[in-house]
Amino acid sequence: MKKIYRITTIILCSILAGCLFPSKDVSKPKSGKGFGMVTYEYGTFDKSRRFELHYWDGKGRNFVIWKECWFQWVIRDDIAMFHGLLYKGPLSASTQQSDCLFAVAGNGPPVDITDSIILRYTRPIGTNISTEIYHHAIGSVQYTNNTFVIGISDLRTHTDGAVKLTDAEILNLVREAKEKGQLLKDRGWGTPYFKRDLQEEF
């Protein structure tokens, strides 16, 4: 009985250790400066991962850009674009989350550019940003021919399109959001980010 008890205790401790003390893998930029990912792996049997975007400034300083990156990100020199989970309340399995598209230059803070991308996509056909943001979803992000290509879907017509932006245009979006937007915090992790209220401006 004692042997069985000890084995059971070891198994339980291993499971708890996997949940409470996740393994950590750090992927830094080779040059020592730029963006990189820190990956946390939780669980012993049903494993899950959390991807955290960081920026190293080359002087030994490490900045956390976003605590929970979603399924895709693109890193281009000192610019990064990524899907990030935004929490509407304290960290909890029941807390509502939204998938937002962020852009960041250097050590941040990042900027939520979701509405800006939708506006660029819908403006040519004369639609209203105040209604269109609820009917479109941001999809894949790629970097091709020196251009960020951002997929976007119309949830009503089930049609897909794309918005293409150069590095300079991304930097301009980031600058405008910092000048005209608000500095907010994710309610789950407390990570700061900028957001521009385009519904009021347009």
N, C-alpha and C. Protein backbone atom coordinates (compact mmCIF):
# COMPACT_ATOMS: atom_id res chain seq x y z
N MET A 1 0.83 -1.22 0.00
CA MET A 1 0.00 0.00 0.00
C MET A 1 0.85 1.26 0.00
N LYS A 2 1.93 1.24 0.81
CA LYS A 2 2.80 2.41 0.88
C LYS A 2 3.41 2.71 -0.48
N LYS A 3 3.78 1.63 -1.21
CA LYS A 3 4.41 1.82 -2.51
C LYS A 3 3.42 2.45 -3.49
N ILE A 4 2.17 1.94 -3.47
CA ILE A 4 1.13 2.49 -4.35
C ILE A 4 0.87 3.94 -4.01
N TYR A 5 0.84 4.25 -2.71
CA TYR A 5 0.59 5.62 -2.25
C TYR A 5 1.69 6.55 -2.74
N ARG A 6 2.93 6.10 -2.66
CA ARG A 6 4.06 6.92 -3.10
C ARG A 6 4.00 7.17 -4.60
N ILE A 7 3.68 6.12 -5.38
CA ILE A 7 3.59 6.28 -6.84
C ILE A 7 2.48 7.26 -7.20
N THR A 8 1.32 7.12 -6.53
CA THR A 8 0.19 8.02 -6.78
C THR A 8 0.56 9.45 -6.44
N THR A 9 1.28 9.63 -5.34
CA THR A 9 1.71 10.96 -4.92
C THR A 9 2.65 11.58 -5.94
N ILE A 10 3.56 10.79 -6.46
CA ILE A 10 4.52 11.27 -7.46
C ILE A 10 3.78 11.70 -8.72
N ILE A 11 2.79 10.89 -9.15
CA ILE A 11 2.02 11.22 -10.35
C ILE A 11 1.24 12.51 -10.16
N LEU A 12 0.58 12.66 -9.01
CA LEU A 12 -0.20 13.87 -8.72
C LEU A 12 0.70 15.10 -8.68
N CYS A 13 1.86 14.96 -8.07
CA CYS A 13 2.81 16.08 -7.99
C CYS A 13 3.29 16.47 -9.38
N SER A 14 3.51 15.49 -10.23
CA SER A 14 3.97 15.77 -11.60
C SER A 14 2.90 16.52 -12.38
N ILE A 15 1.64 16.11 -12.21
CA ILE A 15 0.53 16.77 -12.90
C ILE A 15 0.40 18.21 -12.43
N LEU A 16 0.45 18.40 -11.09
CA LEU A 16 0.34 19.75 -10.54
C LEU A 16 1.51 20.62 -10.98
N ALA A 17 2.69 20.04 -11.03
CA ALA A 17 3.88 20.81 -11.45
C ALA A 17 3.74 21.28 -12.88
N GLY A 18 3.16 20.41 -13.74
CA GLY A 18 2.97 20.80 -15.13
C GLY A 18 1.97 21.91 -15.29
N CYS A 19 0.98 21.99 -14.38
CA CYS A 19 -0.05 23.02 -14.46
C CYS A 19 0.40 24.32 -13.81
N LEU A 20 1.05 24.19 -12.64
CA LEU A 20 1.41 25.38 -11.87
C LEU A 20 2.76 25.96 -12.28
N PHE A 21 3.66 25.10 -12.75
CA PHE A 21 5.00 25.55 -13.12
C PHE A 21 5.30 25.11 -14.55
N PRO A 22 4.82 25.87 -15.52
CA PRO A 22 4.99 25.48 -16.93
C PRO A 22 6.45 25.53 -17.35
N SER A 23 6.77 24.74 -18.35
CA SER A 23 8.11 24.81 -18.93
C SER A 23 8.20 26.08 -19.77
N LYS A 24 9.41 26.58 -19.95
CA LYS A 24 9.60 27.88 -20.61
C LYS A 24 10.71 27.77 -21.64
N ASP A 25 10.40 28.22 -22.86
CA ASP A 25 11.38 28.23 -23.93
C ASP A 25 11.52 29.65 -24.47
N VAL A 26 12.74 30.19 -24.46
CA VAL A 26 13.00 31.56 -24.89
C VAL A 26 13.69 31.57 -26.24
N SER A 27 13.08 32.27 -27.20
CA SER A 27 13.66 32.39 -28.54
C SER A 27 14.01 33.86 -28.78
N LYS A 28 15.29 34.20 -28.59
CA LYS A 28 15.74 35.58 -28.76
C LYS A 28 16.22 35.83 -30.18
N PRO A 29 16.23 37.08 -30.62
CA PRO A 29 16.79 37.39 -31.95
C PRO A 29 18.29 37.11 -31.95
N LYS A 30 18.79 36.62 -33.07
CA LYS A 30 20.20 36.25 -33.14
C LYS A 30 21.14 37.44 -32.93
N SER A 31 20.70 38.61 -33.36
CA SER A 31 21.55 39.80 -33.24
C SER A 31 21.57 40.35 -31.81
N GLY A 32 20.66 39.86 -30.98
CA GLY A 32 20.56 40.38 -29.61
C GLY A 32 19.59 41.53 -29.50
N LYS A 33 19.11 42.05 -30.65
CA LYS A 33 18.16 43.15 -30.66
C LYS A 33 17.00 42.81 -31.57
N GLY A 34 15.79 43.05 -31.07
CA GLY A 34 14.61 42.79 -31.88
C GLY A 34 13.58 41.97 -31.13
N PHE A 35 12.65 41.42 -31.89
CA PHE A 35 11.55 40.66 -31.31
C PHE A 35 11.88 39.18 -31.18
N GLY A 36 11.25 38.55 -30.21
CA GLY A 36 11.39 37.12 -30.02
C GLY A 36 10.20 36.61 -29.24
N MET A 37 10.08 35.28 -29.17
CA MET A 37 8.96 34.65 -28.48
C MET A 37 9.42 33.88 -27.25
N VAL A 38 8.61 33.98 -26.21
CA VAL A 38 8.79 33.13 -25.03
C VAL A 38 7.57 32.22 -24.99
N THR A 39 7.81 30.92 -25.03
CA THR A 39 6.72 29.94 -25.08
C THR A 39 6.61 29.22 -23.75
N TYR A 40 5.40 29.21 -23.19
CA TYR A 40 5.12 28.49 -21.95
C TYR A 40 4.26 27.28 -22.29
N GLU A 41 4.64 26.13 -21.76
CA GLU A 41 3.88 24.90 -21.99
C GLU A 41 3.31 24.40 -20.67
N TYR A 42 2.00 24.23 -20.66
CA TYR A 42 1.29 23.82 -19.44
C TYR A 42 0.77 22.40 -19.57
N GLY A 43 0.61 21.74 -18.43
CA GLY A 43 -0.02 20.43 -18.42
C GLY A 43 0.96 19.30 -18.60
N THR A 44 0.51 18.11 -18.20
CA THR A 44 1.33 16.91 -18.32
C THR A 44 0.82 16.01 -19.44
N PHE A 45 -0.49 15.83 -19.51
CA PHE A 45 -1.08 14.98 -20.54
C PHE A 45 -1.73 15.83 -21.64
N ASP A 46 -2.71 16.64 -21.27
CA ASP A 46 -3.35 17.54 -22.22
C ASP A 46 -2.60 18.87 -22.19
N LYS A 47 -1.58 18.96 -23.02
CA LYS A 47 -0.70 20.13 -22.97
C LYS A 47 -1.28 21.31 -23.75
N SER A 48 -0.98 22.50 -23.25
CA SER A 48 -1.38 23.72 -23.94
C SER A 48 -0.20 24.68 -23.91
N ARG A 49 -0.19 25.63 -24.82
CA ARG A 49 0.91 26.58 -24.92
C ARG A 49 0.41 28.01 -24.90
N ARG A 50 1.25 28.87 -24.38
CA ARG A 50 0.98 30.30 -24.43
C ARG A 50 2.21 30.98 -25.02
N PHE A 51 1.98 31.84 -26.02
CA PHE A 51 3.09 32.52 -26.71
C PHE A 51 3.12 33.98 -26.31
N GLU A 52 4.27 34.41 -25.83
CA GLU A 52 4.45 35.77 -25.30
C GLU A 52 5.48 36.50 -26.16
N LEU A 53 5.07 37.65 -26.72
CA LEU A 53 5.97 38.42 -27.58
C LEU A 53 6.83 39.37 -26.74
N HIS A 54 8.15 39.33 -26.97
CA HIS A 54 9.09 40.19 -26.25
C HIS A 54 9.91 41.01 -27.23
N TYR A 55 10.52 42.07 -26.70
CA TYR A 55 11.46 42.87 -27.50
C TYR A 55 12.72 43.08 -26.67
N TRP A 56 13.87 42.72 -27.26
CA TRP A 56 15.17 42.95 -26.63
C TRP A 56 15.83 44.14 -27.31
N ASP A 57 16.31 45.09 -26.52
CA ASP A 57 16.84 46.33 -27.11
C ASP A 57 18.34 46.30 -27.40
N GLY A 58 18.99 45.17 -27.17
CA GLY A 58 20.42 45.05 -27.46
C GLY A 58 21.30 45.55 -26.33
N LYS A 59 20.68 46.09 -25.26
CA LYS A 59 21.43 46.60 -24.11
C LYS A 59 21.12 45.79 -22.85
N GLY A 60 20.57 44.59 -23.07
CA GLY A 60 20.25 43.73 -21.95
C GLY A 60 18.85 43.91 -21.40
N ARG A 61 18.11 44.87 -21.95
CA ARG A 61 16.75 45.10 -21.46
C ARG A 61 15.74 44.30 -22.28
N ASN A 62 14.79 43.72 -21.58
CA ASN A 62 13.78 42.87 -22.18
C ASN A 62 12.40 43.46 -21.89
N PHE A 63 11.62 43.72 -22.95
CA PHE A 63 10.30 44.32 -22.79
C PHE A 63 9.23 43.30 -23.20
N VAL A 64 8.23 43.11 -22.36
CA VAL A 64 7.10 42.25 -22.70
C VAL A 64 6.13 43.08 -23.55
N ILE A 65 5.91 42.65 -24.78
CA ILE A 65 5.02 43.36 -25.70
C ILE A 65 3.57 42.89 -25.51
N TRP A 66 3.37 41.57 -25.54
CA TRP A 66 2.01 41.03 -25.35
C TRP A 66 2.09 39.65 -24.70
N LYS A 67 1.22 39.44 -23.73
CA LYS A 67 1.31 38.23 -22.92
C LYS A 67 0.68 37.00 -23.56
N GLU A 68 -0.25 37.21 -24.48
CA GLU A 68 -0.92 36.04 -25.06
C GLU A 68 -1.18 36.27 -26.55
N CYS A 69 -0.19 35.89 -27.36
CA CYS A 69 -0.35 35.99 -28.81
C CYS A 69 -1.17 34.81 -29.30
N TRP A 70 -1.97 35.08 -30.32
CA TRP A 70 -2.85 34.06 -30.84
C TRP A 70 -2.13 33.30 -31.94
N PHE A 71 -2.83 32.86 -32.97
CA PHE A 71 -2.29 31.83 -33.86
C PHE A 71 -1.24 32.30 -34.84
N GLN A 72 -1.02 33.61 -35.01
CA GLN A 72 -0.10 34.02 -36.08
C GLN A 72 0.56 35.36 -35.76
N TRP A 73 1.79 35.50 -36.20
CA TRP A 73 2.50 36.77 -36.06
C TRP A 73 3.54 36.89 -37.17
N VAL A 74 3.89 38.13 -37.49
CA VAL A 74 4.91 38.41 -38.50
C VAL A 74 5.89 39.41 -37.89
N ILE A 75 7.16 39.08 -37.94
CA ILE A 75 8.20 39.97 -37.40
C ILE A 75 9.06 40.46 -38.56
N ARG A 76 9.18 41.78 -38.63
CA ARG A 76 9.95 42.39 -39.72
C ARG A 76 10.87 43.45 -39.13
N ASP A 77 12.13 43.09 -38.91
CA ASP A 77 13.10 44.02 -38.32
C ASP A 77 12.55 44.58 -37.00
N ASP A 78 12.30 45.89 -36.94
CA ASP A 78 11.82 46.50 -35.70
C ASP A 78 10.31 46.71 -35.71
N ILE A 79 9.62 46.01 -36.60
CA ILE A 79 8.15 46.06 -36.66
C ILE A 79 7.62 44.64 -36.50
N ALA A 80 6.55 44.51 -35.72
CA ALA A 80 5.88 43.21 -35.59
C ALA A 80 4.38 43.40 -35.70
N MET A 81 3.71 42.43 -36.31
CA MET A 81 2.26 42.43 -36.38
C MET A 81 1.80 41.06 -35.88
N PHE A 82 0.78 41.06 -35.04
CA PHE A 82 0.38 39.79 -34.43
C PHE A 82 -1.08 39.81 -34.01
N HIS A 83 -1.67 38.61 -33.98
CA HIS A 83 -2.99 38.43 -33.38
C HIS A 83 -2.78 38.25 -31.88
N GLY A 84 -3.52 39.01 -31.09
CA GLY A 84 -3.39 38.91 -29.64
C GLY A 84 -4.75 38.78 -28.99
N LEU A 85 -4.81 37.97 -27.93
CA LEU A 85 -6.06 37.84 -27.19
C LEU A 85 -6.19 39.00 -26.22
N LEU A 86 -7.34 39.66 -26.27
CA LEU A 86 -7.62 40.80 -25.40
C LEU A 86 -8.72 40.38 -24.43
N TYR A 87 -8.42 40.45 -23.13
CA TYR A 87 -9.37 40.03 -22.10
C TYR A 87 -10.28 41.18 -21.69
N LYS A 88 -11.57 40.86 -21.51
CA LYS A 88 -12.56 41.85 -21.11
C LYS A 88 -12.70 41.93 -19.59
N GLY A 89 -11.99 41.08 -18.87
CA GLY A 89 -12.06 41.07 -17.41
C GLY A 89 -10.89 40.29 -16.85
N PRO A 90 -10.90 39.98 -15.53
CA PRO A 90 -9.80 39.24 -14.89
C PRO A 90 -9.57 37.89 -15.55
N LEU A 91 -8.33 37.40 -15.47
CA LEU A 91 -7.99 36.11 -16.07
C LEU A 91 -8.86 35.00 -15.49
N SER A 92 -9.58 34.32 -16.35
CA SER A 92 -10.47 33.24 -15.94
C SER A 92 -10.91 32.50 -17.18
N ALA A 93 -11.26 31.22 -17.01
CA ALA A 93 -11.72 30.42 -18.14
C ALA A 93 -13.03 30.97 -18.70
N SER A 94 -13.78 31.68 -17.88
CA SER A 94 -15.08 32.19 -18.30
C SER A 94 -15.02 33.65 -18.79
N THR A 95 -13.86 34.27 -18.70
CA THR A 95 -13.72 35.66 -19.11
C THR A 95 -13.80 35.80 -20.62
N GLN A 96 -14.59 36.75 -21.09
CA GLN A 96 -14.73 36.97 -22.52
C GLN A 96 -13.42 37.52 -23.10
N GLN A 97 -13.05 37.00 -24.26
CA GLN A 97 -11.83 37.43 -24.94
C GLN A 97 -12.17 37.84 -26.37
N SER A 98 -11.34 38.67 -26.95
CA SER A 98 -11.49 39.01 -28.36
C SER A 98 -10.13 38.89 -29.04
N ASP A 99 -10.15 38.46 -30.28
CA ASP A 99 -8.93 38.33 -31.07
C ASP A 99 -8.73 39.63 -31.83
N CYS A 100 -7.67 40.37 -31.49
CA CYS A 100 -7.40 41.66 -32.11
C CYS A 100 -6.08 41.60 -32.88
N LEU A 101 -5.97 42.48 -33.86
CA LEU A 101 -4.73 42.58 -34.62
C LEU A 101 -3.93 43.76 -34.10
N PHE A 102 -2.69 43.49 -33.73
CA PHE A 102 -1.82 44.52 -33.16
C PHE A 102 -0.61 44.75 -34.06
N ALA A 103 -0.11 45.98 -34.00
CA ALA A 103 1.18 46.31 -34.63
C ALA A 103 2.02 47.01 -33.58
N VAL A 104 3.32 46.80 -33.65
CA VAL A 104 4.20 47.42 -32.67
C VAL A 104 5.54 47.76 -33.33
N ALA A 105 6.09 48.88 -32.92
CA ALA A 105 7.41 49.29 -33.39
C ALA A 105 8.34 49.34 -32.18
N GLY A 106 9.44 48.63 -32.25
CA GLY A 106 10.39 48.64 -31.13
C GLY A 106 9.78 48.08 -29.86
N ASN A 107 10.08 48.76 -28.75
CA ASN A 107 9.65 48.24 -27.45
C ASN A 107 8.22 48.61 -27.07
N GLY A 108 7.48 49.20 -28.01
CA GLY A 108 6.05 49.42 -27.79
C GLY A 108 5.71 50.71 -27.08
N PRO A 109 4.49 50.76 -26.51
CA PRO A 109 3.46 49.72 -26.45
C PRO A 109 2.86 49.41 -27.83
N PRO A 110 2.22 48.24 -27.94
CA PRO A 110 1.59 47.87 -29.20
C PRO A 110 0.32 48.69 -29.44
N VAL A 111 -0.17 48.64 -30.67
CA VAL A 111 -1.37 49.38 -31.07
C VAL A 111 -2.39 48.39 -31.64
N ASP A 112 -3.62 48.48 -31.17
CA ASP A 112 -4.71 47.68 -31.72
C ASP A 112 -5.13 48.33 -33.04
N ILE A 113 -4.83 47.68 -34.16
CA ILE A 113 -5.12 48.26 -35.48
C ILE A 113 -6.29 47.57 -36.17
N THR A 114 -7.05 46.77 -35.44
CA THR A 114 -8.16 46.02 -36.03
C THR A 114 -9.12 46.93 -36.79
N ASP A 115 -9.61 47.98 -36.12
CA ASP A 115 -10.58 48.89 -36.75
C ASP A 115 -9.97 49.64 -37.93
N SER A 116 -8.69 49.99 -37.82
CA SER A 116 -8.02 50.71 -38.90
C SER A 116 -7.95 49.87 -40.17
N ILE A 117 -7.70 48.58 -40.02
CA ILE A 117 -7.62 47.69 -41.18
C ILE A 117 -9.00 47.53 -41.82
N ILE A 118 -10.02 47.37 -40.98
CA ILE A 118 -11.38 47.25 -41.50
C ILE A 118 -11.80 48.53 -42.23
N LEU A 119 -11.42 49.67 -41.68
CA LEU A 119 -11.75 50.95 -42.32
C LEU A 119 -11.09 51.05 -43.69
N ARG A 120 -9.83 50.65 -43.80
CA ARG A 120 -9.14 50.71 -45.08
C ARG A 120 -9.78 49.77 -46.11
N TYR A 121 -10.32 48.67 -45.63
CA TYR A 121 -10.95 47.70 -46.53
C TYR A 121 -12.32 48.16 -46.99
N THR A 122 -13.08 48.79 -46.10
CA THR A 122 -14.47 49.14 -46.41
C THR A 122 -14.62 50.54 -47.01
N ARG A 123 -13.67 51.43 -46.77
CA ARG A 123 -13.79 52.80 -47.25
C ARG A 123 -13.97 52.92 -48.78
N PRO A 124 -13.26 52.13 -49.58
CA PRO A 124 -13.42 52.27 -51.04
C PRO A 124 -14.85 52.02 -51.52
N ILE A 125 -15.65 51.25 -50.76
CA ILE A 125 -17.02 50.99 -51.19
C ILE A 125 -18.01 51.82 -50.39
N GLY A 126 -17.51 52.82 -49.67
CA GLY A 126 -18.37 53.80 -49.02
C GLY A 126 -19.17 53.33 -47.84
N THR A 127 -18.69 52.33 -47.11
CA THR A 127 -19.44 51.83 -45.95
C THR A 127 -19.07 52.59 -44.69
N ASN A 128 -19.87 52.39 -43.66
CA ASN A 128 -19.72 53.12 -42.41
C ASN A 128 -18.94 52.28 -41.39
N ILE A 129 -17.86 52.83 -40.86
CA ILE A 129 -17.02 52.08 -39.93
C ILE A 129 -17.78 51.66 -38.68
N SER A 130 -18.75 52.48 -38.24
CA SER A 130 -19.48 52.18 -37.01
C SER A 130 -20.27 50.89 -37.09
N THR A 131 -20.67 50.49 -38.30
CA THR A 131 -21.40 49.23 -38.46
C THR A 131 -20.52 48.11 -39.02
N GLU A 132 -19.57 48.47 -39.84
CA GLU A 132 -18.77 47.46 -40.52
C GLU A 132 -17.81 46.71 -39.60
N ILE A 133 -17.37 47.33 -38.52
CA ILE A 133 -16.43 46.63 -37.64
C ILE A 133 -17.04 45.37 -37.03
N TYR A 134 -18.36 45.33 -36.97
CA TYR A 134 -19.02 44.15 -36.39
C TYR A 134 -19.28 43.07 -37.43
N HIS A 135 -19.07 43.37 -38.69
CA HIS A 135 -19.39 42.42 -39.75
C HIS A 135 -18.17 41.93 -40.51
N HIS A 136 -16.98 42.28 -40.01
CA HIS A 136 -15.74 41.82 -40.66
C HIS A 136 -14.80 41.19 -39.63
N ALA A 137 -14.00 40.26 -40.11
CA ALA A 137 -13.03 39.59 -39.25
C ALA A 137 -11.66 39.59 -39.91
N ILE A 138 -10.64 39.85 -39.10
CA ILE A 138 -9.27 39.83 -39.60
C ILE A 138 -8.77 38.39 -39.63
N GLY A 139 -8.12 38.03 -40.72
CA GLY A 139 -7.62 36.66 -40.86
C GLY A 139 -6.11 36.57 -40.83
N SER A 140 -5.56 35.91 -41.81
CA SER A 140 -4.11 35.63 -41.83
C SER A 140 -3.30 36.90 -42.07
N VAL A 141 -2.07 36.87 -41.60
CA VAL A 141 -1.12 37.96 -41.80
C VAL A 141 0.15 37.38 -42.43
N GLN A 142 0.58 37.97 -43.53
CA GLN A 142 1.78 37.51 -44.21
C GLN A 142 2.64 38.71 -44.60
N TYR A 143 3.89 38.44 -44.90
CA TYR A 143 4.79 39.50 -45.39
C TYR A 143 5.36 39.02 -46.72
N THR A 144 4.94 39.69 -47.80
CA THR A 144 5.33 39.29 -49.15
C THR A 144 5.71 40.52 -49.96
N ASN A 145 6.85 40.44 -50.65
CA ASN A 145 7.31 41.53 -51.52
C ASN A 145 7.35 42.87 -50.78
N ASN A 146 7.94 42.86 -49.60
CA ASN A 146 8.09 44.07 -48.78
C ASN A 146 6.75 44.69 -48.38
N THR A 147 5.73 43.86 -48.26
CA THR A 147 4.40 44.35 -47.93
C THR A 147 3.71 43.41 -46.94
N PHE A 148 3.05 43.99 -45.94
CA PHE A 148 2.20 43.21 -45.05
C PHE A 148 0.88 42.96 -45.76
N VAL A 149 0.47 41.71 -45.85
CA VAL A 149 -0.79 41.34 -46.48
C VAL A 149 -1.71 40.77 -45.40
N ILE A 150 -2.83 41.47 -45.15
CA ILE A 150 -3.72 41.12 -44.06
C ILE A 150 -5.05 40.65 -44.63
N GLY A 151 -5.38 39.40 -44.39
CA GLY A 151 -6.64 38.85 -44.88
C GLY A 151 -7.82 39.38 -44.08
N ILE A 152 -8.94 39.60 -44.75
CA ILE A 152 -10.13 40.10 -44.08
C ILE A 152 -11.36 39.46 -44.71
N SER A 153 -12.34 39.11 -43.87
CA SER A 153 -13.55 38.43 -44.34
C SER A 153 -14.79 39.22 -43.99
N ASP A 154 -15.73 39.25 -44.94
CA ASP A 154 -17.06 39.83 -44.70
C ASP A 154 -17.94 38.69 -44.17
N LEU A 155 -18.38 38.80 -42.93
CA LEU A 155 -19.11 37.72 -42.29
C LEU A 155 -20.53 37.57 -42.81
N ARG A 156 -21.04 38.56 -43.52
CA ARG A 156 -22.39 38.47 -44.07
C ARG A 156 -22.40 37.81 -45.43
N THR A 157 -21.48 38.22 -46.28
CA THR A 157 -21.46 37.69 -47.64
C THR A 157 -20.50 36.51 -47.81
N HIS A 158 -19.72 36.24 -46.74
CA HIS A 158 -18.74 35.14 -46.76
C HIS A 158 -17.73 35.29 -47.90
N THR A 159 -17.35 36.55 -48.14
CA THR A 159 -16.33 36.83 -49.15
C THR A 159 -15.04 37.28 -48.46
N ASP A 160 -13.93 37.00 -49.09
CA ASP A 160 -12.62 37.33 -48.52
C ASP A 160 -11.89 38.35 -49.38
N GLY A 161 -11.09 39.16 -48.71
CA GLY A 161 -10.26 40.13 -49.41
C GLY A 161 -8.98 40.34 -48.64
N ALA A 162 -8.27 41.41 -48.94
CA ALA A 162 -7.00 41.66 -48.25
C ALA A 162 -6.69 43.15 -48.25
N VAL A 163 -5.94 43.55 -47.26
CA VAL A 163 -5.41 44.91 -47.16
C VAL A 163 -3.89 44.79 -47.20
N LYS A 164 -3.25 45.60 -48.03
CA LYS A 164 -1.80 45.55 -48.17
C LYS A 164 -1.20 46.86 -47.65
N LEU A 165 -0.18 46.73 -46.79
CA LEU A 165 0.45 47.90 -46.19
C LEU A 165 1.97 47.75 -46.20
N THR A 166 2.65 48.83 -46.50
CA THR A 166 4.12 48.85 -46.44
C THR A 166 4.58 49.07 -45.01
N ASP A 167 5.87 48.90 -44.77
CA ASP A 167 6.44 49.18 -43.45
C ASP A 167 6.13 50.61 -43.02
N ALA A 168 6.28 51.55 -43.95
CA ALA A 168 6.05 52.97 -43.64
C ALA A 168 4.60 53.22 -43.25
N GLU A 169 3.67 52.55 -43.92
CA GLU A 169 2.25 52.72 -43.60
C GLU A 169 1.91 52.14 -42.22
N ILE A 170 2.54 51.04 -41.89
CA ILE A 170 2.33 50.46 -40.55
C ILE A 170 2.86 51.40 -39.48
N LEU A 171 4.05 51.94 -39.70
CA LEU A 171 4.63 52.88 -38.75
C LEU A 171 3.76 54.12 -38.59
N ASN A 172 3.13 54.53 -39.67
CA ASN A 172 2.23 55.69 -39.63
C ASN A 172 0.98 55.38 -38.81
N LEU A 173 0.44 54.17 -38.96
CA LEU A 173 -0.71 53.76 -38.15
C LEU A 173 -0.37 53.76 -36.67
N VAL A 174 0.82 53.26 -36.36
CA VAL A 174 1.27 53.22 -34.96
C VAL A 174 1.42 54.64 -34.41
N ARG A 175 2.04 55.51 -35.20
CA ARG A 175 2.26 56.90 -34.76
C ARG A 175 0.93 57.61 -34.52
N GLU A 176 -0.01 57.48 -35.47
CA GLU A 176 -1.30 58.15 -35.35
C GLU A 176 -2.08 57.66 -34.13
N ALA A 177 -2.01 56.36 -33.87
CA ALA A 177 -2.73 55.81 -32.71
C ALA A 177 -2.16 56.35 -31.40
N LYS A 178 -0.85 56.53 -31.36
CA LYS A 178 -0.24 57.07 -30.14
C LYS A 178 -0.56 58.55 -29.98
N GLU A 179 -0.71 59.26 -31.09
CA GLU A 179 -1.01 60.69 -31.03
C GLU A 179 -2.49 60.96 -30.77
N LYS A 180 -3.38 60.17 -31.38
CA LYS A 180 -4.81 60.46 -31.32
C LYS A 180 -5.61 59.45 -30.48
N GLY A 181 -4.98 58.35 -30.12
CA GLY A 181 -5.70 57.31 -29.40
C GLY A 181 -5.52 57.38 -27.89
N GLN A 182 -6.01 56.34 -27.24
CA GLN A 182 -5.93 56.24 -25.78
C GLN A 182 -4.98 55.11 -25.39
N LEU A 183 -4.29 55.30 -24.26
CA LEU A 183 -3.47 54.23 -23.71
C LEU A 183 -4.34 53.43 -22.75
N LEU A 184 -4.57 52.17 -23.09
CA LEU A 184 -5.44 51.30 -22.31
C LEU A 184 -4.64 50.13 -21.74
N LYS A 185 -5.32 49.27 -20.99
CA LYS A 185 -4.67 48.07 -20.46
C LYS A 185 -5.58 46.86 -20.67
N ASP A 186 -4.96 45.76 -21.07
CA ASP A 186 -5.69 44.51 -21.14
C ASP A 186 -6.14 44.16 -19.71
N ARG A 187 -7.41 43.84 -19.54
CA ARG A 187 -7.95 43.63 -18.20
C ARG A 187 -7.55 42.30 -17.58
N GLY A 188 -7.01 41.42 -18.41
CA GLY A 188 -6.56 40.14 -17.87
C GLY A 188 -5.13 40.20 -17.36
N TRP A 189 -4.21 40.58 -18.24
CA TRP A 189 -2.79 40.60 -17.90
C TRP A 189 -2.29 41.98 -17.47
N GLY A 190 -3.05 43.01 -17.80
CA GLY A 190 -2.62 44.37 -17.44
C GLY A 190 -1.62 44.96 -18.41
N THR A 191 -1.46 44.35 -19.59
CA THR A 191 -0.50 44.84 -20.58
C THR A 191 -1.02 46.11 -21.25
N PRO A 192 -0.21 47.18 -21.33
CA PRO A 192 -0.66 48.42 -21.96
C PRO A 192 -0.67 48.33 -23.48
N TYR A 193 -1.62 49.05 -24.09
CA TYR A 193 -1.70 49.15 -25.55
C TYR A 193 -2.46 50.41 -25.92
N PHE A 194 -2.25 50.87 -27.14
CA PHE A 194 -2.96 52.04 -27.65
C PHE A 194 -4.12 51.59 -28.55
N LYS A 195 -5.20 52.38 -28.51
CA LYS A 195 -6.33 52.13 -29.40
C LYS A 195 -6.92 53.47 -29.81
N ARG A 196 -7.14 53.61 -31.10
CA ARG A 196 -7.74 54.83 -31.64
C ARG A 196 -9.23 54.59 -31.90
N ASP A 197 -10.08 55.48 -31.40
CA ASP A 197 -11.54 55.33 -31.55
C ASP A 197 -11.97 55.90 -32.90
N LEU A 198 -11.95 55.05 -33.91
CA LEU A 198 -12.27 55.50 -35.26
C LEU A 198 -13.77 55.72 -35.45
N GLN A 199 -14.59 55.11 -34.60
CA GLN A 199 -16.03 55.32 -34.71
C GLN A 199 -16.40 56.77 -34.43
N GLU A 200 -15.67 57.40 -33.53
CA GLU A 200 -15.93 58.81 -33.22
C GLU A 200 -15.35 59.72 -34.29
N GLU A 201 -14.19 59.33 -34.83
CA GLU A 201 -13.51 60.19 -35.81
C GLU A 201 -14.19 60.15 -37.18
N PHE A 202 -14.77 58.99 -37.52
CA PHE A 202 -15.36 58.86 -38.85
C PHE A 202 -16.86 58.60 -38.75
